[in-house]
Amino acid sequence: MASSSCQPETILNSKTCDIQYCPDCGMIHLNMGSITVRMSEQHFANFAIDVSKGLFSMRQREQSVPSRMLM
């Protein structure tokens, strides 16, 4: 839980999300529109790896589909 002195610092600001780190609570705050997910640094690192693997799998799948099936 965020403490009363929790003051996250933005480490990435993009069109899809904001990623903030709070040195007070030691948590990553992942803001996506109206959704905020708070997680430990280790959980965030594992989450980033999982998202990368998912994107890789999706790209591999797209490449294996014959172009005539994409129409």
PDB file of N, CA and C in Angstrom:
ATOM      1  N   MET A   1       0.845  -1.181   0.000  1.00  0.00           N
ATOM      2  CA  MET A   1       0.000   0.000   0.000  1.00  0.00           C
ATOM      3  C   MET A   1       0.889   1.241   0.000  1.00  0.00           C
ATOM      4  N   ALA A   2       0.454   2.236  -0.738  1.00  0.00           N
ATOM      5  CA  ALA A   2       1.217   3.477  -0.817  1.00  0.00           C
ATOM      6  C   ALA A   2       1.169   4.198   0.523  1.00  0.00           C
ATOM      7  N   SER A   3       2.311   4.732   0.910  1.00  0.00           N
ATOM      8  CA  SER A   3       2.347   5.485   2.164  1.00  0.00           C
ATOM      9  C   SER A   3       1.890   6.912   1.907  1.00  0.00           C
ATOM     10  N   SER A   4       1.646   7.651   2.965  1.00  0.00           N
ATOM     11  CA  SER A   4       1.171   9.028   2.816  1.00  0.00           C
ATOM     12  C   SER A   4       2.227   9.918   2.173  1.00  0.00           C
ATOM     13  N   SER A   5       3.498   9.524   2.259  1.00  0.00           N
ATOM     14  CA  SER A   5       4.560  10.323   1.647  1.00  0.00           C
ATOM     15  C   SER A   5       4.957   9.788   0.270  1.00  0.00           C
ATOM     16  N   CYS A   6       4.178   8.866  -0.269  1.00  0.00           N
ATOM     17  CA  CYS A   6       4.469   8.268  -1.569  1.00  0.00           C
ATOM     18  C   CYS A   6       4.450   9.352  -2.650  1.00  0.00           C
ATOM     19  N   GLN A   7       5.583   9.519  -3.313  1.00  0.00           N
ATOM     20  CA  GLN A   7       5.696  10.510  -4.391  1.00  0.00           C
ATOM     21  C   GLN A   7       6.410   9.868  -5.576  1.00  0.00           C
ATOM     22  N   PRO A   8       5.654   9.144  -6.420  1.00  0.00           N
ATOM     23  CA  PRO A   8       6.274   8.458  -7.551  1.00  0.00           C
ATOM     24  C   PRO A   8       6.934   9.434  -8.522  1.00  0.00           C
ATOM     25  N   GLU A   9       8.077   9.012  -9.056  1.00  0.00           N
ATOM     26  CA  GLU A   9       8.812   9.786 -10.043  1.00  0.00           C
ATOM     27  C   GLU A   9       8.609   9.124 -11.403  1.00  0.00           C
ATOM     28  N   THR A  10       8.251   9.894 -12.416  1.00  0.00           N
ATOM     29  CA  THR A  10       8.021   9.346 -13.746  1.00  0.00           C
ATOM     30  C   THR A  10       9.341   8.904 -14.358  1.00  0.00           C
ATOM     31  N   ILE A  11       9.385   7.638 -14.800  1.00  0.00           N
ATOM     32  CA  ILE A  11      10.577   7.139 -15.488  1.00  0.00           C
ATOM     33  C   ILE A  11      10.295   6.908 -16.973  1.00  0.00           C
ATOM     34  N   LEU A  12       9.007   6.859 -17.360  1.00  0.00           N
ATOM     35  CA  LEU A  12       8.619   6.774 -18.766  1.00  0.00           C
ATOM     36  C   LEU A  12       7.230   7.360 -18.917  1.00  0.00           C
ATOM     37  N   ASN A  13       7.078   8.193 -19.925  1.00  0.00           N
ATOM     38  CA  ASN A  13       5.785   8.794 -20.237  1.00  0.00           C
ATOM     39  C   ASN A  13       5.563   8.586 -21.728  1.00  0.00           C
ATOM     40  N   SER A  14       4.549   7.810 -22.093  1.00  0.00           N
ATOM     41  CA  SER A  14       4.276   7.544 -23.498  1.00  0.00           C
ATOM     42  C   SER A  14       2.792   7.726 -23.791  1.00  0.00           C
ATOM     43  N   LYS A  15       2.409   7.502 -25.033  1.00  0.00           N
ATOM     44  CA  LYS A  15       1.002   7.626 -25.419  1.00  0.00           C
ATOM     45  C   LYS A  15       0.133   6.557 -24.765  1.00  0.00           C
ATOM     46  N   THR A  16       0.711   5.397 -24.452  1.00  0.00           N
ATOM     47  CA  THR A  16      -0.078   4.291 -23.920  1.00  0.00           C
ATOM     48  C   THR A  16      -0.018   4.127 -22.410  1.00  0.00           C
ATOM     49  N   CYS A  17       1.072   4.593 -21.799  1.00  0.00           N
ATOM     50  CA  CYS A  17       1.193   4.407 -20.351  1.00  0.00           C
ATOM     51  C   CYS A  17       2.219   5.361 -19.757  1.00  0.00           C
ATOM     52  N   ASP A  18       2.156   5.470 -18.461  1.00  0.00           N
ATOM     53  CA  ASP A  18       3.172   6.168 -17.677  1.00  0.00           C
ATOM     54  C   ASP A  18       3.736   5.138 -16.703  1.00  0.00           C
ATOM     55  N   ILE A  19       5.047   5.105 -16.576  1.00  0.00           N
ATOM     56  CA  ILE A  19       5.680   4.218 -15.611  1.00  0.00           C
ATOM     57  C   ILE A  19       6.380   5.110 -14.594  1.00  0.00           C
ATOM     58  N   GLN A  20       6.039   4.887 -13.331  1.00  0.00           N
ATOM     59  CA  GLN A  20       6.604   5.688 -12.254  1.00  0.00           C
ATOM     60  C   GLN A  20       7.242   4.772 -11.223  1.00  0.00           C
ATOM     61  N   TYR A  21       8.256   5.300 -10.546  1.00  0.00           N
ATOM     62  CA  TYR A  21       8.904   4.577  -9.462  1.00  0.00           C
ATOM     63  C   TYR A  21       8.852   5.440  -8.210  1.00  0.00           C
ATOM     64  N   CYS A  22       8.488   4.838  -7.111  1.00  0.00           N
ATOM     65  CA  CYS A  22       8.449   5.556  -5.836  1.00  0.00           C
ATOM     66  C   CYS A  22       9.553   5.017  -4.934  1.00  0.00           C
ATOM     67  N   PRO A  23      10.574   5.831  -4.677  1.00  0.00           N
ATOM     68  CA  PRO A  23      11.646   5.370  -3.790  1.00  0.00           C
ATOM     69  C   PRO A  23      11.165   5.185  -2.346  1.00  0.00           C
ATOM     70  N   ASP A  24      10.076   5.845  -1.966  1.00  0.00           N
ATOM     71  CA  ASP A  24       9.546   5.732  -0.604  1.00  0.00           C
ATOM     72  C   ASP A  24       8.954   4.349  -0.359  1.00  0.00           C
ATOM     73  N   CYS A  25       8.066   3.903  -1.262  1.00  0.00           N
ATOM     74  CA  CYS A  25       7.431   2.598  -1.064  1.00  0.00           C
ATOM     75  C   CYS A  25       8.127   1.493  -1.858  1.00  0.00           C
ATOM     76  N   GLY A  26       9.073   1.877  -2.736  1.00  0.00           N
ATOM     77  CA  GLY A  26       9.824   0.887  -3.506  1.00  0.00           C
ATOM     78  C   GLY A  26       9.006   0.176  -4.562  1.00  0.00           C
ATOM     79  N   MET A  27       7.918   0.796  -4.994  1.00  0.00           N
ATOM     80  CA  MET A  27       7.013   0.157  -5.948  1.00  0.00           C
ATOM     81  C   MET A  27       7.034   0.876  -7.297  1.00  0.00           C
ATOM     82  N   ILE A  28       6.745   0.099  -8.329  1.00  0.00           N
ATOM     83  CA  ILE A  28       6.521   0.636  -9.664  1.00  0.00           C
ATOM     84  C   ILE A  28       5.029   0.907  -9.784  1.00  0.00           C
ATOM     85  N   HIS A  29       4.678   2.039 -10.353  1.00  0.00           N
ATOM     86  CA  HIS A  29       3.284   2.395 -10.610  1.00  0.00           C
ATOM     87  C   HIS A  29       3.123   2.434 -12.133  1.00  0.00           C
ATOM     88  N   LEU A  30       2.359   1.503 -12.676  1.00  0.00           N
ATOM     89  CA  LEU A  30       2.112   1.426 -14.111  1.00  0.00           C
ATOM     90  C   LEU A  30       0.724   1.998 -14.364  1.00  0.00           C
ATOM     91  N   ASN A  31       0.671   3.180 -14.976  1.00  0.00           N
ATOM     92  CA  ASN A  31      -0.592   3.878 -15.222  1.00  0.00           C
ATOM     93  C   ASN A  31      -0.984   3.737 -16.685  1.00  0.00           C
ATOM     94  N   MET A  32      -2.155   3.149 -16.913  1.00  0.00           N
ATOM     95  CA  MET A  32      -2.691   2.981 -18.264  1.00  0.00           C
ATOM     96  C   MET A  32      -4.116   3.540 -18.269  1.00  0.00           C
ATOM     97  N   GLY A  33      -4.228   4.796 -18.646  1.00  0.00           N
ATOM     98  CA  GLY A  33      -5.540   5.438 -18.609  1.00  0.00           C
ATOM     99  C   GLY A  33      -6.055   5.507 -17.185  1.00  0.00           C
ATOM    100  N   SER A  34      -7.247   4.951 -16.970  1.00  0.00           N
ATOM    101  CA  SER A  34      -7.852   4.999 -15.633  1.00  0.00           C
ATOM    102  C   SER A  34      -7.397   3.854 -14.730  1.00  0.00           C
ATOM    103  N   ILE A  35      -6.480   3.022 -15.217  1.00  0.00           N
ATOM    104  CA  ILE A  35      -5.997   1.870 -14.450  1.00  0.00           C
ATOM    105  C   ILE A  35      -4.573   2.137 -13.961  1.00  0.00           C
ATOM    106  N   THR A  36      -4.338   1.887 -12.695  1.00  0.00           N
ATOM    107  CA  THR A  36      -2.989   1.951 -12.137  1.00  0.00           C
ATOM    108  C   THR A  36      -2.689   0.617 -11.475  1.00  0.00           C
ATOM    109  N   VAL A  37      -1.578   0.018 -11.867  1.00  0.00           N
ATOM    110  CA  VAL A  37      -1.133  -1.241 -11.274  1.00  0.00           C
ATOM    111  C   VAL A  37       0.157  -0.951 -10.519  1.00  0.00           C
ATOM    112  N   ARG A  38       0.203  -1.355  -9.265  1.00  0.00           N
ATOM    113  CA  ARG A  38       1.403  -1.174  -8.454  1.00  0.00           C
ATOM    114  C   ARG A  38       2.048  -2.533  -8.258  1.00  0.00           C
ATOM    115  N   MET A  39       3.370  -2.599  -8.449  1.00  0.00           N
ATOM    116  CA  MET A  39       4.072  -3.865  -8.281  1.00  0.00           C
ATOM    117  C   MET A  39       5.512  -3.608  -7.863  1.00  0.00           C
ATOM    118  N   SER A  40       6.111  -4.630  -7.294  1.00  0.00           N
ATOM    119  CA  SER A  40       7.515  -4.522  -6.898  1.00  0.00           C
ATOM    120  C   SER A  40       8.388  -4.433  -8.147  1.00  0.00           C
ATOM    121  N   GLU A  41       9.619  -4.006  -7.950  1.00  0.00           N
ATOM    122  CA  GLU A  41      10.557  -3.924  -9.078  1.00  0.00           C
ATOM    123  C   GLU A  41      10.749  -5.289  -9.726  1.00  0.00           C
ATOM    124  N   GLN A  42      10.870  -6.342  -8.918  1.00  0.00           N
ATOM    125  CA  GLN A  42      11.058  -7.696  -9.460  1.00  0.00           C
ATOM    126  C   GLN A  42       9.837  -8.145 -10.243  1.00  0.00           C
ATOM    127  N   HIS A  43       8.653  -7.897  -9.718  1.00  0.00           N
ATOM    128  CA  HIS A  43       7.425  -8.261 -10.423  1.00  0.00           C
ATOM    129  C   HIS A  43       7.332  -7.494 -11.746  1.00  0.00           C
ATOM    130  N   PHE A  44       7.684  -6.223 -11.720  1.00  0.00           N
ATOM    131  CA  PHE A  44       7.663  -5.411 -12.936  1.00  0.00           C
ATOM    132  C   PHE A  44       8.646  -5.961 -13.971  1.00  0.00           C
ATOM    133  N   ALA A  45       9.840  -6.348 -13.534  1.00  0.00           N
ATOM    134  CA  ALA A  45      10.833  -6.917 -14.457  1.00  0.00           C
ATOM    135  C   ALA A  45      10.309  -8.202 -15.080  1.00  0.00           C
ATOM    136  N   ASN A  46       9.695  -9.068 -14.268  1.00  0.00           N
ATOM    137  CA  ASN A  46       9.124 -10.314 -14.789  1.00  0.00           C
ATOM    138  C   ASN A  46       7.953 -10.029 -15.727  1.00  0.00           C
ATOM    139  N   PHE A  47       7.140  -9.058 -15.387  1.00  0.00           N
ATOM    140  CA  PHE A  47       6.007  -8.662 -16.226  1.00  0.00           C
ATOM    141  C   PHE A  47       6.504  -8.169 -17.585  1.00  0.00           C
ATOM    142  N   ALA A  48       7.560  -7.350 -17.588  1.00  0.00           N
ATOM    143  CA  ALA A  48       8.119  -6.824 -18.841  1.00  0.00           C
ATOM    144  C   ALA A  48       8.634  -7.962 -19.721  1.00  0.00           C
ATOM    145  N   ILE A  49       9.272  -8.956 -19.117  1.00  0.00           N
ATOM    146  CA  ILE A  49       9.748 -10.120 -19.871  1.00  0.00           C
ATOM    147  C   ILE A  49       8.566 -10.874 -20.464  1.00  0.00           C
ATOM    148  N   ASP A  50       7.517 -11.084 -19.668  1.00  0.00           N
ATOM    149  CA  ASP A  50       6.335 -11.798 -20.156  1.00  0.00           C
ATOM    150  C   ASP A  50       5.662 -11.063 -21.311  1.00  0.00           C
ATOM    151  N   VAL A  51       5.557  -9.744 -21.217  1.00  0.00           N
ATOM    152  CA  VAL A  51       4.956  -8.959 -22.305  1.00  0.00           C
ATOM    153  C   VAL A  51       5.812  -9.077 -23.565  1.00  0.00           C
ATOM    154  N   SER A  52       7.121  -9.034 -23.408  1.00  0.00           N
ATOM    155  CA  SER A  52       8.023  -9.182 -24.555  1.00  0.00           C
ATOM    156  C   SER A  52       7.869 -10.552 -25.208  1.00  0.00           C
ATOM    157  N   LYS A  53       7.770 -11.598 -24.396  1.00  0.00           N
ATOM    158  CA  LYS A  53       7.568 -12.946 -24.928  1.00  0.00           C
ATOM    159  C   LYS A  53       6.238 -13.051 -25.661  1.00  0.00           C
ATOM    160  N   GLY A  54       5.209 -12.438 -25.093  1.00  0.00           N
ATOM    161  CA  GLY A  54       3.898 -12.456 -25.741  1.00  0.00           C
ATOM    162  C   GLY A  54       3.922 -11.743 -27.083  1.00  0.00           C
ATOM    163  N   LEU A  55       4.574 -10.602 -27.151  1.00  0.00           N
ATOM    164  CA  LEU A  55       4.699  -9.858 -28.401  1.00  0.00           C
ATOM    165  C   LEU A  55       5.482 -10.667 -29.431  1.00  0.00           C
ATOM    166  N   PHE A  56       6.569 -11.307 -28.993  1.00  0.00           N
ATOM    167  CA  PHE A  56       7.360 -12.137 -29.889  1.00  0.00           C
ATOM    168  C   PHE A  56       6.507 -13.274 -30.459  1.00  0.00           C
ATOM    169  N   SER A  57       5.750 -13.959 -29.603  1.00  0.00           N
ATOM    170  CA  SER A  57       4.888 -15.052 -30.053  1.00  0.00           C
ATOM    171  C   SER A  57       3.836 -14.570 -31.037  1.00  0.00           C
ATOM    172  N   MET A  58       3.264 -13.412 -30.763  1.00  0.00           N
ATOM    173  CA  MET A  58       2.260 -12.850 -31.654  1.00  0.00           C
ATOM    174  C   MET A  58       2.870 -12.546 -33.023  1.00  0.00           C
ATOM    175  N   ARG A  59       4.068 -11.964 -33.042  1.00  0.00           N
ATOM    176  CA  ARG A  59       4.751 -11.648 -34.304  1.00  0.00           C
ATOM    177  C   ARG A  59       5.096 -12.928 -35.072  1.00  0.00           C
ATOM    178  N   GLN A  60       5.545 -13.954 -34.351  1.00  0.00           N
ATOM    179  CA  GLN A  60       5.848 -15.231 -34.998  1.00  0.00           C
ATOM    180  C   GLN A  60       4.600 -15.822 -35.633  1.00  0.00           C
ATOM    181  N   ARG A  61       3.496 -15.740 -34.942  1.00  0.00           N
ATOM    182  CA  ARG A  61       2.229 -16.276 -35.453  1.00  0.00           C
ATOM    183  C   ARG A  61       1.798 -15.526 -36.708  1.00  0.00           C
ATOM    184  N   GLU A  62       1.927 -14.200 -36.679  1.00  0.00           N
ATOM    185  CA  GLU A  62       1.555 -13.393 -37.843  1.00  0.00           C
ATOM    186  C   GLU A  62       2.394 -13.775 -39.056  1.00  0.00           C
ATOM    187  N   GLN A  63       3.668 -14.068 -38.853  1.00  0.00           N
ATOM    188  CA  GLN A  63       4.552 -14.423 -39.955  1.00  0.00           C
ATOM    189  C   GLN A  63       4.258 -15.806 -40.515  1.00  0.00           C
ATOM    190  N   SER A  64       3.678 -16.686 -39.702  1.00  0.00           N
ATOM    191  CA  SER A  64       3.392 -18.041 -40.156  1.00  0.00           C
ATOM    192  C   SER A  64       2.062 -18.149 -40.888  1.00  0.00           C
ATOM    193  N   VAL A  65       1.214 -17.140 -40.814  1.00  0.00           N
ATOM    194  CA  VAL A  65      -0.072 -17.146 -41.498  1.00  0.00           C
ATOM    195  C   VAL A  65       0.156 -16.741 -42.953  1.00  0.00           C
ATOM    196  N   PRO A  66      -0.276 -17.576 -43.926  1.00  0.00           N
ATOM    197  CA  PRO A  66      -0.112 -17.197 -45.337  1.00  0.00           C
ATOM    198  C   PRO A  66      -0.793 -15.865 -45.636  1.00  0.00           C
ATOM    199  N   SER A  67      -0.172 -15.065 -46.505  1.00  0.00           N
ATOM    200  CA  SER A  67      -0.680 -13.716 -46.778  1.00  0.00           C
ATOM    201  C   SER A  67      -2.099 -13.731 -47.327  1.00  0.00           C
ATOM    202  N   ARG A  68      -2.505 -14.783 -48.040  1.00  0.00           N
ATOM    203  CA  ARG A  68      -3.862 -14.808 -48.585  1.00  0.00           C
ATOM    204  C   ARG A  68      -4.913 -14.950 -47.470  1.00  0.00           C
ATOM    205  N   MET A  69      -4.506 -15.458 -46.306  1.00  0.00           N
ATOM    206  CA  MET A  69      -5.449 -15.611 -45.193  1.00  0.00           C
ATOM    207  C   MET A  69      -5.595 -14.319 -44.418  1.00  0.00           C
ATOM    208  N   LEU A  70      -4.732 -13.364 -44.617  1.00  0.00           N
ATOM    209  CA  LEU A  70      -4.804 -12.107 -43.898  1.00  0.00           C
ATOM    210  C   LEU A  70      -5.836 -11.164 -44.503  1.00  0.00           C
ATOM    211  N   MET A  71      -6.281 -11.438 -45.720  1.00  0.00           N
ATOM    212  CA  MET A  71      -7.252 -10.551 -46.395  1.00  0.00           C
ATOM    213  C   MET A  71      -8.640 -10.764 -45.904  1.00  0.00           C
TER     214      MET A  71
END
